[in-house]
Amino acid sequence: MLPVLRNRTYRHLFAAQVVALTGTGLATVALGLLAYDLAGPRAGSVLGTALAIKMVAYVAVAPAVGALAHRLPRRALMAGSDLARAAVALSLPFVDRVWQVYLLVFLLQAASAAFTPTFQAVIPDVLPGERDYTRALSLSRLAYDLESLFSPALAAALLAVTTYDRLFLGTVAGFLASAVLVLSAAVPRPAAGTGTAAAGPGAGRHAGHAHARAAAGVRLLLAAPPLRALLLLNLAVAAAGSLVTVNTVVYVRDLLGRGTGDVALALGAYGAGSMAVALALPRLLDRVPDRTVMLRGAAALAAALAAAGALTAAAPGPWRWPLLLAAWAALGAAGSAVLTPAGRLVRRAVPAGRRTEAFAAQFSLSHACWLLTYPLAGWVGATAGLTAAAAALGVLAAGSALAAAALWCPSPEPATAAAREADRPAPRPEPAPVPATAAAGAGRLHRLLAPRHGH
């Protein structure tokens, strides 16, 4: 997995992702403490509203960014998003009204909705080989999981020597460092000849209209059965992840009567399960089709949610705590099995020049699933109990997995498509302050293929 870090451009972009995620994690902790200062006992409702605003920003902004991204250099778009996030984070310590928190959270997440799909669309061009790209996806999954474990620990260490509002300065530093790393990378341009014309008849007539391009990104996902299935699998992951995110504290504190430290331990079990699968997937995907891994992961999500429901209905006993940890680890592992290979499906099915639109649509629609399941987990859990919440989310996950399996028929084409994609020449990089070193093998391959393609 680590050999992909020898690629200078990818190394800088991955480092940018890591430092930005660390800054985001610090901001998450600081926002919780800020909400408590502003709202006291109502801090939970403030954070719940802020979380919903985050999802709304993702759903609304990402397609628009994907539609306009073809007009902007991708490196400038990512660096500009980082600078916007740094400016917002710098403003957070000075707010004194709840509505100001909501406004700044929307702006912060809108900038993230611009950065993330663009980043996701760049990586397949930086690492055109199937094996390298798969390893990059696993590293990205690990970065998210490590952030969920490392950032709270770092925040706790910093809070021992400073006040929570200083954590926002760490967030600012993370976004500024990310911008510097992005600007130092030679970000490739999308391959020529795969722009709007590649989308099919009529795409060129709408190329100048942002709303038409945003809709085209959604159509790209709906055009291929594996991508339609991916939308359903996103819903299964959101159903499972929402139970963990929203109700872990209720399971640990109210159901099991354990301390606050055990809340972090349960969340750590979820992250550890996800990391273990992310580490194992590169080798597994060399031998097992994506469809098999992802559908079995979705089925495991439903099974783990059933275990979570059984836990709430069972008689009290010391065995329930290890069962909770095992169920949470299984949910993390199964979610990683679904999410980690998702980029491979988009990469294979969408022309290189239209990947930003497709990744933006995938980013938006996947977060729309969370916008549905977050309130479902919270409202059903609060009104009908944890058993009902786990059952409802389990039925949703199982139904989504079955529908995805029906839509996504087995086919021998993925390996062939992957081989064709891996054989394509690397796109021309944009000029960078520090030029990247071209690989000799890629140059020879480009010379072999150039007469055939004529561009």
Protein backbone atom coordinates (compact mmCIF):
# COMPACT_ATOMS: atom_id res chain seq x y z
CA MET A 1 0.00 0.00 0.00
CA LEU A 2 2.75 2.48 0.90
CA PRO A 3 4.61 2.31 -2.47
CA VAL A 4 2.01 4.67 -3.98
CA LEU A 5 3.46 7.38 -1.73
CA ARG A 6 6.57 7.35 -3.93
CA ASN A 7 4.50 9.32 -6.43
CA ARG A 8 5.33 12.92 -5.46
CA THR A 9 2.02 14.41 -6.59
CA TYR A 10 -0.05 11.81 -4.78
CA ARG A 11 2.15 12.09 -1.68
CA HIS A 12 1.50 15.84 -1.47
CA LEU A 13 -2.23 15.47 -2.08
CA PHE A 14 -2.55 12.69 0.49
CA ALA A 15 -0.65 14.77 3.05
CA ALA A 16 -3.03 17.66 2.28
CA GLN A 17 -5.98 15.40 2.97
CA VAL A 18 -4.51 14.18 6.26
CA VAL A 19 -3.71 17.62 7.69
CA ALA A 20 -7.07 19.02 6.58
CA LEU A 21 -8.88 16.10 8.25
CA THR A 22 -6.91 16.65 11.44
CA GLY A 23 -7.95 20.30 11.44
CA THR A 24 -11.56 19.30 10.84
CA GLY A 25 -11.41 16.90 13.79
CA LEU A 26 -10.16 19.66 16.09
CA ALA A 27 -12.99 21.90 14.88
CA THR A 28 -15.55 19.18 15.67
CA VAL A 29 -14.43 19.02 19.30
CA ALA A 30 -14.25 22.81 19.62
CA LEU A 31 -17.71 23.25 18.07
CA GLY A 32 -19.23 20.96 20.68
CA LEU A 33 -17.73 23.03 23.49
CA LEU A 34 -18.72 26.27 21.78
CA ALA A 35 -22.30 25.03 21.44
CA TYR A 36 -22.36 24.22 25.16
CA ASP A 37 -21.14 27.73 25.98
CA LEU A 38 -23.84 29.29 23.82
CA ALA A 39 -26.78 26.97 24.53
CA GLY A 40 -26.02 25.06 27.73
CA PRO A 41 -28.42 22.10 28.05
CA ARG A 42 -29.63 22.76 24.49
CA ALA A 43 -26.16 22.07 23.09
CA GLY A 44 -27.30 18.71 21.73
CA SER A 45 -30.03 20.26 19.62
CA VAL A 46 -27.60 22.91 18.38
CA LEU A 47 -25.13 20.26 17.29
CA GLY A 48 -27.88 18.19 15.70
CA THR A 49 -29.01 21.19 13.68
CA ALA A 50 -25.41 21.96 12.70
CA LEU A 51 -25.00 18.35 11.53
CA ALA A 52 -28.13 18.65 9.40
CA ILE A 53 -26.83 21.93 7.95
CA LYS A 54 -23.57 20.15 7.09
CA MET A 55 -25.47 17.53 5.09
CA VAL A 56 -27.61 20.17 3.37
CA ALA A 57 -24.43 22.00 2.31
CA TYR A 58 -22.97 18.79 0.92
CA VAL A 59 -26.14 17.89 -0.97
CA ALA A 60 -26.73 21.37 -2.39
CA VAL A 61 -23.21 22.58 -3.15
CA ALA A 62 -21.36 19.52 -4.47
CA PRO A 63 -23.37 19.16 -7.73
CA ALA A 64 -22.96 22.88 -8.49
CA VAL A 65 -19.21 22.62 -7.97
CA GLY A 66 -19.05 19.55 -10.18
CA ALA A 67 -20.91 21.44 -12.88
CA LEU A 68 -18.54 24.42 -12.78
CA ALA A 69 -15.27 22.57 -12.12
CA HIS A 70 -14.51 22.13 -15.83
CA ARG A 71 -13.99 25.91 -16.08
CA LEU A 72 -11.43 26.11 -13.27
CA PRO A 73 -7.94 24.63 -12.74
CA ARG A 74 -8.44 21.83 -10.27
CA ARG A 75 -5.42 22.78 -8.18
CA ALA A 76 -6.70 26.34 -7.80
CA LEU A 77 -10.18 25.08 -6.88
CA MET A 78 -8.84 22.84 -4.12
CA ALA A 79 -6.44 25.43 -2.73
CA GLY A 80 -9.14 28.10 -2.83
CA SER A 81 -11.48 25.79 -0.91
CA ASP A 82 -8.79 25.31 1.74
CA LEU A 83 -8.28 29.06 2.08
CA ALA A 84 -12.04 29.59 2.41
CA ARG A 85 -12.22 26.94 5.12
CA ALA A 86 -9.32 28.55 6.96
CA ALA A 87 -11.07 31.95 6.88
CA VAL A 88 -14.28 30.46 8.27
CA ALA A 89 -12.43 28.59 11.02
CA LEU A 90 -10.63 31.78 11.98
CA SER A 91 -14.03 33.45 12.51
CA LEU A 92 -15.53 30.73 14.74
CA PRO A 93 -13.90 31.82 18.05
CA PHE A 94 -15.59 35.22 17.77
CA VAL A 95 -19.23 34.12 17.42
CA ASP A 96 -21.67 34.84 20.24
CA ARG A 97 -24.99 33.75 18.70
CA VAL A 98 -26.24 30.32 17.72
CA TRP A 99 -27.33 31.50 14.25
CA GLN A 100 -23.75 32.59 13.60
CA VAL A 101 -22.59 29.05 14.28
CA TYR A 102 -25.11 27.73 11.77
CA LEU A 103 -24.02 30.22 9.10
CA LEU A 104 -20.31 29.52 9.53
CA VAL A 105 -20.86 25.75 9.60
CA PHE A 106 -22.72 26.02 6.29
CA LEU A 107 -19.90 28.06 4.72
CA LEU A 108 -17.26 25.66 6.08
CA GLN A 109 -19.02 22.59 4.75
CA ALA A 110 -19.81 24.27 1.42
CA ALA A 111 -16.07 24.74 0.93
CA SER A 112 -15.52 21.09 1.88
CA ALA A 113 -18.15 20.11 -0.69
CA ALA A 114 -16.00 21.90 -3.28
CA PHE A 115 -12.71 20.34 -2.16
CA THR A 116 -13.60 16.68 -1.64
CA PRO A 117 -15.19 15.71 -5.02
CA THR A 118 -12.43 17.57 -6.86
CA PHE A 119 -9.80 15.71 -4.83
CA GLN A 120 -11.55 12.40 -5.54
CA ALA A 121 -11.61 13.11 -9.27
CA VAL A 122 -7.91 14.05 -9.38
CA ILE A 123 -6.55 10.86 -7.79
CA PRO A 124 -7.47 8.50 -10.69
CA ASP A 125 -5.53 10.80 -13.03
CA VAL A 126 -2.53 10.94 -10.70
CA LEU A 127 -2.52 7.13 -10.30
CA PRO A 128 -3.89 5.70 -13.56
CA GLY A 129 -2.95 2.09 -12.69
CA GLU A 130 -5.74 0.02 -11.15
CA ARG A 131 -3.58 -1.47 -8.37
CA ASP A 132 -2.14 1.91 -7.35
CA TYR A 133 -5.54 3.56 -7.37
CA THR A 134 -7.00 0.80 -5.18
CA ARG A 135 -4.22 1.35 -2.65
CA ALA A 136 -4.88 5.08 -2.71
CA LEU A 137 -8.54 4.43 -1.91
CA SER A 138 -7.53 2.31 1.08
CA LEU A 139 -5.15 5.02 2.30
CA SER A 140 -7.92 7.57 2.01
CA ARG A 141 -10.24 5.36 4.06
CA LEU A 142 -7.50 4.97 6.67
CA ALA A 143 -7.04 8.74 6.78
CA TYR A 144 -10.72 9.19 7.68
CA ASP A 145 -10.58 6.47 10.32
CA LEU A 146 -7.36 7.75 11.87
CA GLU A 147 -8.83 11.24 12.01
CA SER A 148 -11.76 9.94 14.04
CA LEU A 149 -9.31 8.38 16.51
CA PHE A 150 -6.39 10.82 16.47
CA SER A 151 -8.12 14.21 16.44
CA PRO A 152 -10.10 13.72 19.69
CA ALA A 153 -6.92 12.52 21.44
CA LEU A 154 -4.99 15.53 20.12
CA ALA A 155 -7.80 17.84 21.19
CA ALA A 156 -7.79 16.35 24.69
CA ALA A 157 -4.02 16.90 24.97
CA LEU A 158 -4.32 20.50 23.79
CA LEU A 159 -7.22 21.24 26.11
CA ALA A 160 -4.99 20.28 29.02
CA VAL A 161 -2.82 23.33 28.30
CA THR A 162 -5.12 25.79 26.53
CA THR A 163 -8.76 26.83 26.04
CA TYR A 164 -11.06 25.28 23.49
CA ASP A 165 -11.22 28.38 21.29
CA ARG A 166 -7.51 27.91 20.53
CA LEU A 167 -8.39 24.60 18.87
CA PHE A 168 -9.81 26.59 15.97
CA LEU A 169 -6.30 27.90 15.35
CA GLY A 170 -5.20 24.31 14.84
CA THR A 171 -8.01 23.98 12.31
CA VAL A 172 -6.80 27.10 10.49
CA ALA A 173 -3.24 25.75 10.44
CA GLY A 174 -4.45 22.43 9.00
CA PHE A 175 -6.31 24.08 6.13
CA LEU A 176 -3.44 26.46 5.34
CA ALA A 177 -0.98 23.56 5.28
CA SER A 178 -3.35 21.66 2.99
CA ALA A 179 -3.47 24.62 0.59
CA VAL A 180 0.34 24.81 0.48
CA LEU A 181 0.64 21.09 -0.22
CA VAL A 182 -1.96 21.25 -2.99
CA LEU A 183 -0.22 24.20 -4.65
CA SER A 184 3.10 22.34 -4.55
CA ALA A 185 1.67 19.37 -6.48
CA ALA A 186 1.52 18.97 -10.26
CA VAL A 187 -2.20 18.23 -10.58
CA PRO A 188 -2.98 16.49 -13.91
CA ARG A 189 -5.49 17.86 -16.35
CA PRO A 190 -8.37 15.58 -17.35
CA ALA A 191 -7.57 13.47 -20.40
CA ALA A 192 -8.37 15.17 -23.69
CA GLY A 193 -11.36 14.01 -25.68
CA THR A 194 -13.38 12.93 -22.65
CA GLY A 195 -15.31 16.04 -21.93
CA THR A 196 -18.93 16.75 -22.55
CA ALA A 197 -18.96 14.94 -25.81
CA ALA A 198 -18.25 11.74 -24.04
CA ALA A 199 -21.41 12.01 -22.03
CA GLY A 200 -23.61 11.12 -24.91
CA PRO A 201 -25.91 12.84 -27.41
CA GLY A 202 -27.02 16.30 -26.48
CA ALA A 203 -24.46 16.85 -23.73
CA GLY A 204 -22.67 19.55 -25.70
CA ARG A 205 -25.82 21.65 -26.01
CA HIS A 206 -25.92 22.01 -22.24
CA ALA A 207 -22.21 22.37 -21.59
CA GLY A 208 -22.54 26.05 -20.75
CA HIS A 209 -25.31 25.62 -18.20
CA ALA A 210 -24.26 24.76 -14.66
CA HIS A 211 -27.62 23.25 -13.71
CA ALA A 212 -27.57 21.03 -16.80
CA ARG A 213 -24.06 19.82 -15.99
CA ALA A 214 -25.09 19.13 -12.40
CA ALA A 215 -28.00 17.05 -13.67
CA ALA A 216 -25.62 15.36 -16.10
CA GLY A 217 -23.47 14.27 -13.15
CA VAL A 218 -26.47 12.53 -11.63
CA ARG A 219 -27.30 10.95 -15.00
CA LEU A 220 -23.76 9.59 -15.18
CA LEU A 221 -24.40 7.70 -11.94
CA LEU A 222 -27.76 6.43 -13.16
CA ALA A 223 -26.42 5.29 -16.53
CA ALA A 224 -24.47 2.25 -15.30
CA PRO A 225 -26.01 -0.56 -13.18
CA PRO A 226 -23.00 -0.73 -10.79
CA LEU A 227 -23.34 3.00 -10.05
CA ARG A 228 -27.09 2.70 -9.52
CA ALA A 229 -26.35 -0.10 -7.09
CA LEU A 230 -23.73 2.09 -5.41
CA LEU A 231 -26.41 4.66 -4.56
CA LEU A 232 -28.37 1.96 -2.73
CA LEU A 233 -25.25 0.70 -0.98
CA ASN A 234 -24.60 4.26 0.21
CA LEU A 235 -28.01 4.17 1.87
CA ALA A 236 -27.13 0.91 3.65
CA VAL A 237 -23.89 2.43 4.96
CA ALA A 238 -25.70 5.57 6.11
CA ALA A 239 -28.30 3.50 7.97
CA ALA A 240 -25.60 1.67 9.92
CA GLY A 241 -23.35 4.68 10.46
CA SER A 242 -26.22 6.81 11.73
CA LEU A 243 -26.98 4.34 14.51
CA VAL A 244 -23.34 4.55 15.61
CA THR A 245 -23.00 8.32 15.30
CA VAL A 246 -26.31 9.28 16.88
CA ASN A 247 -26.95 6.55 19.44
CA THR A 248 -23.58 5.29 20.70
CA VAL A 249 -23.77 7.58 23.73
CA VAL A 250 -27.30 6.30 24.48
CA TYR A 251 -26.21 2.67 24.19
CA VAL A 252 -23.18 3.15 26.42
CA ARG A 253 -24.51 5.55 29.06
CA ASP A 254 -28.22 4.72 29.34
CA LEU A 255 -28.54 1.11 28.20
CA LEU A 256 -25.31 -0.26 29.67
CA GLY A 257 -24.75 2.33 32.40
CA ARG A 258 -21.07 2.79 31.60
CA GLY A 259 -18.86 5.89 31.84
CA THR A 260 -18.04 8.58 29.30
CA GLY A 261 -14.66 6.99 28.54
CA ASP A 262 -16.45 3.90 27.25
CA VAL A 263 -18.24 6.05 24.65
CA ALA A 264 -14.86 6.80 23.10
CA LEU A 265 -13.93 3.12 23.35
CA ALA A 266 -17.08 2.07 21.47
CA LEU A 267 -16.42 4.62 18.74
CA GLY A 268 -12.82 3.41 18.64
CA ALA A 269 -14.05 -0.16 18.03
CA TYR A 270 -16.06 1.13 15.05
CA GLY A 271 -13.01 2.91 13.66
CA ALA A 272 -10.74 -0.08 14.29
CA GLY A 273 -13.05 -2.38 12.33
CA SER A 274 -13.06 0.04 9.43
CA MET A 275 -9.26 0.38 9.45
CA ALA A 276 -8.70 -3.38 9.54
CA VAL A 277 -10.76 -3.91 6.39
CA ALA A 278 -9.22 -0.90 4.63
CA LEU A 279 -5.78 -2.43 5.19
CA ALA A 280 -6.85 -5.84 3.91
CA LEU A 281 -8.83 -4.72 0.85
CA PRO A 282 -6.03 -3.95 -1.65
CA ARG A 283 -4.88 -7.57 -1.74
CA LEU A 284 -8.42 -8.91 -1.50
CA LEU A 285 -9.61 -6.83 -4.46
CA ASP A 286 -6.80 -8.27 -6.57
CA ARG A 287 -8.56 -11.64 -6.30
CA VAL A 288 -12.24 -10.94 -5.56
CA PRO A 289 -14.60 -8.79 -7.70
CA ASP A 290 -15.77 -5.46 -6.29
CA ARG A 291 -19.38 -6.62 -6.50
CA THR A 292 -18.77 -9.58 -4.20
CA VAL A 293 -16.91 -7.53 -1.60
CA MET A 294 -19.38 -4.65 -1.55
CA LEU A 295 -22.58 -6.71 -1.51
CA ARG A 296 -21.29 -8.98 1.23
CA GLY A 297 -20.29 -5.88 3.18
CA ALA A 298 -23.84 -4.54 2.82
CA ALA A 299 -25.29 -7.85 4.02
CA ALA A 300 -22.94 -7.74 7.02
CA LEU A 301 -24.25 -4.25 7.83
CA ALA A 302 -27.79 -5.58 8.10
CA ALA A 303 -26.63 -8.51 10.25
CA ALA A 304 -24.69 -6.23 12.62
CA LEU A 305 -27.71 -3.93 12.95
CA ALA A 306 -29.79 -6.99 13.89
CA ALA A 307 -27.21 -7.78 16.59
CA ALA A 308 -27.49 -4.20 17.86
CA GLY A 309 -31.26 -4.59 18.08
CA ALA A 310 -30.93 -7.92 19.90
CA LEU A 311 -28.57 -6.28 22.37
CA THR A 312 -31.24 -3.79 23.45
CA ALA A 313 -33.92 -6.46 23.81
CA ALA A 314 -31.77 -8.93 25.78
CA ALA A 315 -31.69 -9.28 29.53
CA PRO A 316 -28.98 -7.30 31.36
CA GLY A 317 -25.63 -8.98 31.79
CA PRO A 318 -21.89 -8.31 31.59
CA TRP A 319 -21.74 -9.97 28.17
CA ARG A 320 -23.59 -7.05 26.57
CA TRP A 321 -20.59 -4.71 26.64
CA PRO A 322 -18.27 -7.00 24.61
CA LEU A 323 -21.18 -7.71 22.26
CA LEU A 324 -21.61 -3.98 21.68
CA LEU A 325 -17.90 -3.60 20.91
CA ALA A 326 -18.06 -6.55 18.50
CA ALA A 327 -21.19 -5.20 16.79
CA TRP A 328 -19.64 -1.74 16.40
CA ALA A 329 -16.41 -3.22 15.01
CA ALA A 330 -18.47 -5.28 12.54
CA LEU A 331 -20.40 -2.19 11.46
CA GLY A 332 -17.13 -0.33 10.84
CA ALA A 333 -15.62 -3.25 8.93
CA ALA A 334 -18.70 -3.80 6.76
CA GLY A 335 -19.04 -0.09 6.02
CA SER A 336 -15.41 0.06 4.92
CA ALA A 337 -15.94 -2.95 2.63
CA VAL A 338 -18.69 -0.99 0.86
CA LEU A 339 -17.13 2.48 0.80
CA THR A 340 -13.48 1.79 0.01
CA PRO A 341 -13.95 0.28 -3.49
CA ALA A 342 -16.64 2.83 -4.49
CA GLY A 343 -14.18 5.08 -6.30
CA ARG A 344 -13.14 2.17 -8.53
CA LEU A 345 -16.70 1.89 -9.84
CA VAL A 346 -16.90 5.58 -10.70
CA ARG A 347 -13.44 5.52 -12.28
CA ARG A 348 -14.32 2.63 -14.58
CA ALA A 349 -17.76 3.81 -15.63
CA VAL A 350 -17.14 7.53 -16.24
CA PRO A 351 -14.87 9.19 -18.84
CA ALA A 352 -11.87 10.94 -17.31
CA GLY A 353 -13.02 14.41 -18.37
CA ARG A 354 -16.33 13.99 -16.54
CA ARG A 355 -15.15 12.43 -13.30
CA THR A 356 -15.42 15.63 -11.27
CA GLU A 357 -19.12 15.85 -12.13
CA ALA A 358 -19.63 12.19 -11.32
CA PHE A 359 -17.72 12.30 -8.03
CA ALA A 360 -19.60 15.49 -7.08
CA ALA A 361 -22.92 13.77 -7.75
CA GLN A 362 -21.80 10.70 -5.79
CA PHE A 363 -20.64 12.91 -2.91
CA SER A 364 -23.96 14.79 -2.88
CA LEU A 365 -26.27 11.79 -3.19
CA SER A 366 -24.38 9.73 -0.63
CA HIS A 367 -24.72 12.54 1.90
CA ALA A 368 -28.40 12.87 1.04
CA CYS A 369 -28.68 9.34 2.43
CA TRP A 370 -27.19 10.53 5.71
CA LEU A 371 -29.59 13.46 5.73
CA LEU A 372 -32.38 10.87 5.74
CA THR A 373 -30.91 8.39 8.22
CA TYR A 374 -29.56 10.82 10.84
CA PRO A 375 -33.02 12.06 11.88
CA LEU A 376 -34.43 8.54 11.51
CA ALA A 377 -31.88 7.21 14.01
CA GLY A 378 -32.45 10.12 16.38
CA TRP A 379 -36.22 10.47 16.25
CA VAL A 380 -37.08 6.77 16.28
CA GLY A 381 -34.54 6.14 19.04
CA ALA A 382 -35.92 8.99 21.17
CA THR A 383 -39.60 8.18 20.70
CA ALA A 384 -39.76 4.40 20.26
CA GLY A 385 -36.48 3.22 21.82
CA LEU A 386 -33.17 1.81 20.64
CA THR A 387 -34.68 -1.54 19.63
CA ALA A 388 -37.06 0.16 17.20
CA ALA A 389 -34.29 2.38 15.85
CA ALA A 390 -31.95 -0.58 15.20
CA ALA A 391 -34.81 -2.53 13.61
CA ALA A 392 -35.86 0.32 11.31
CA LEU A 393 -32.30 1.01 10.21
CA GLY A 394 -31.63 -2.72 9.80
CA VAL A 395 -34.66 -3.14 7.53
CA LEU A 396 -33.50 -0.13 5.50
CA ALA A 397 -29.98 -1.55 5.16
CA ALA A 398 -31.20 -5.04 4.25
CA GLY A 399 -33.66 -3.70 1.67
CA SER A 400 -30.98 -1.51 0.11
CA ALA A 401 -28.54 -4.42 -0.08
CA LEU A 402 -31.12 -6.71 -1.75
CA ALA A 403 -32.10 -4.03 -4.26
CA ALA A 404 -28.43 -3.35 -5.05
CA ALA A 405 -27.81 -7.05 -5.65
CA ALA A 406 -30.78 -7.19 -8.03
CA LEU A 407 -29.60 -4.13 -9.98
CA TRP A 408 -25.93 -5.11 -10.20
CA CYS A 409 -25.76 -8.35 -12.15
CA PRO A 410 -22.46 -10.27 -12.17
CA SER A 411 -20.34 -9.53 -15.22
CA PRO A 412 -16.81 -10.41 -16.32
CA GLU A 413 -16.24 -6.91 -17.72
CA PRO A 414 -14.75 -5.09 -14.69
CA ALA A 415 -11.33 -6.74 -15.00
CA THR A 416 -11.18 -5.97 -18.72
CA ALA A 417 -12.28 -2.39 -18.16
CA ALA A 418 -9.71 -2.01 -15.41
CA ALA A 419 -6.96 -3.27 -17.70
CA ARG A 420 -7.95 -0.82 -20.45
CA GLU A 421 -8.01 2.05 -17.97
CA ALA A 422 -4.64 1.10 -16.51
CA ASP A 423 -3.11 1.11 -19.99
CA ARG A 424 -4.13 4.69 -20.73
CA PRO A 425 -1.37 7.32 -20.75
CA ALA A 426 -1.21 9.71 -17.82
CA PRO A 427 -2.79 13.14 -18.55
CA ARG A 428 -0.67 16.28 -18.95
CA PRO A 429 0.02 17.93 -15.58
CA GLU A 430 -0.77 21.56 -14.91
CA PRO A 431 2.32 23.72 -14.33
CA ALA A 432 3.42 23.55 -10.70
CA PRO A 433 5.94 25.46 -8.58
CA VAL A 434 7.87 22.22 -8.22
CA PRO A 435 7.51 20.07 -11.38
CA ALA A 436 6.76 16.41 -10.83
CA THR A 437 9.12 13.79 -12.28
CA ALA A 438 7.56 11.87 -15.15
CA ALA A 439 7.78 8.11 -15.07
CA ALA A 440 9.82 6.67 -17.93
CA GLY A 441 7.45 3.76 -18.40
CA ALA A 442 4.42 6.06 -18.75
CA GLY A 443 6.28 8.05 -21.41
CA ARG A 444 7.04 4.95 -23.47
CA LEU A 445 3.41 3.84 -23.18
CA HIS A 446 2.23 7.27 -24.36
CA ARG A 447 4.44 7.07 -27.46
CA LEU A 448 3.06 3.62 -28.27
CA LEU A 449 -0.55 4.69 -27.97
CA ALA A 450 -0.34 8.20 -29.46
CA PRO A 451 -0.60 7.15 -33.17
CA ARG A 452 -3.63 5.04 -32.34
CA HIS A 453 -5.60 7.83 -30.64
CA GLY A 454 -4.37 10.76 -32.64
CA HIS A 455 -4.26 13.22 -29.72
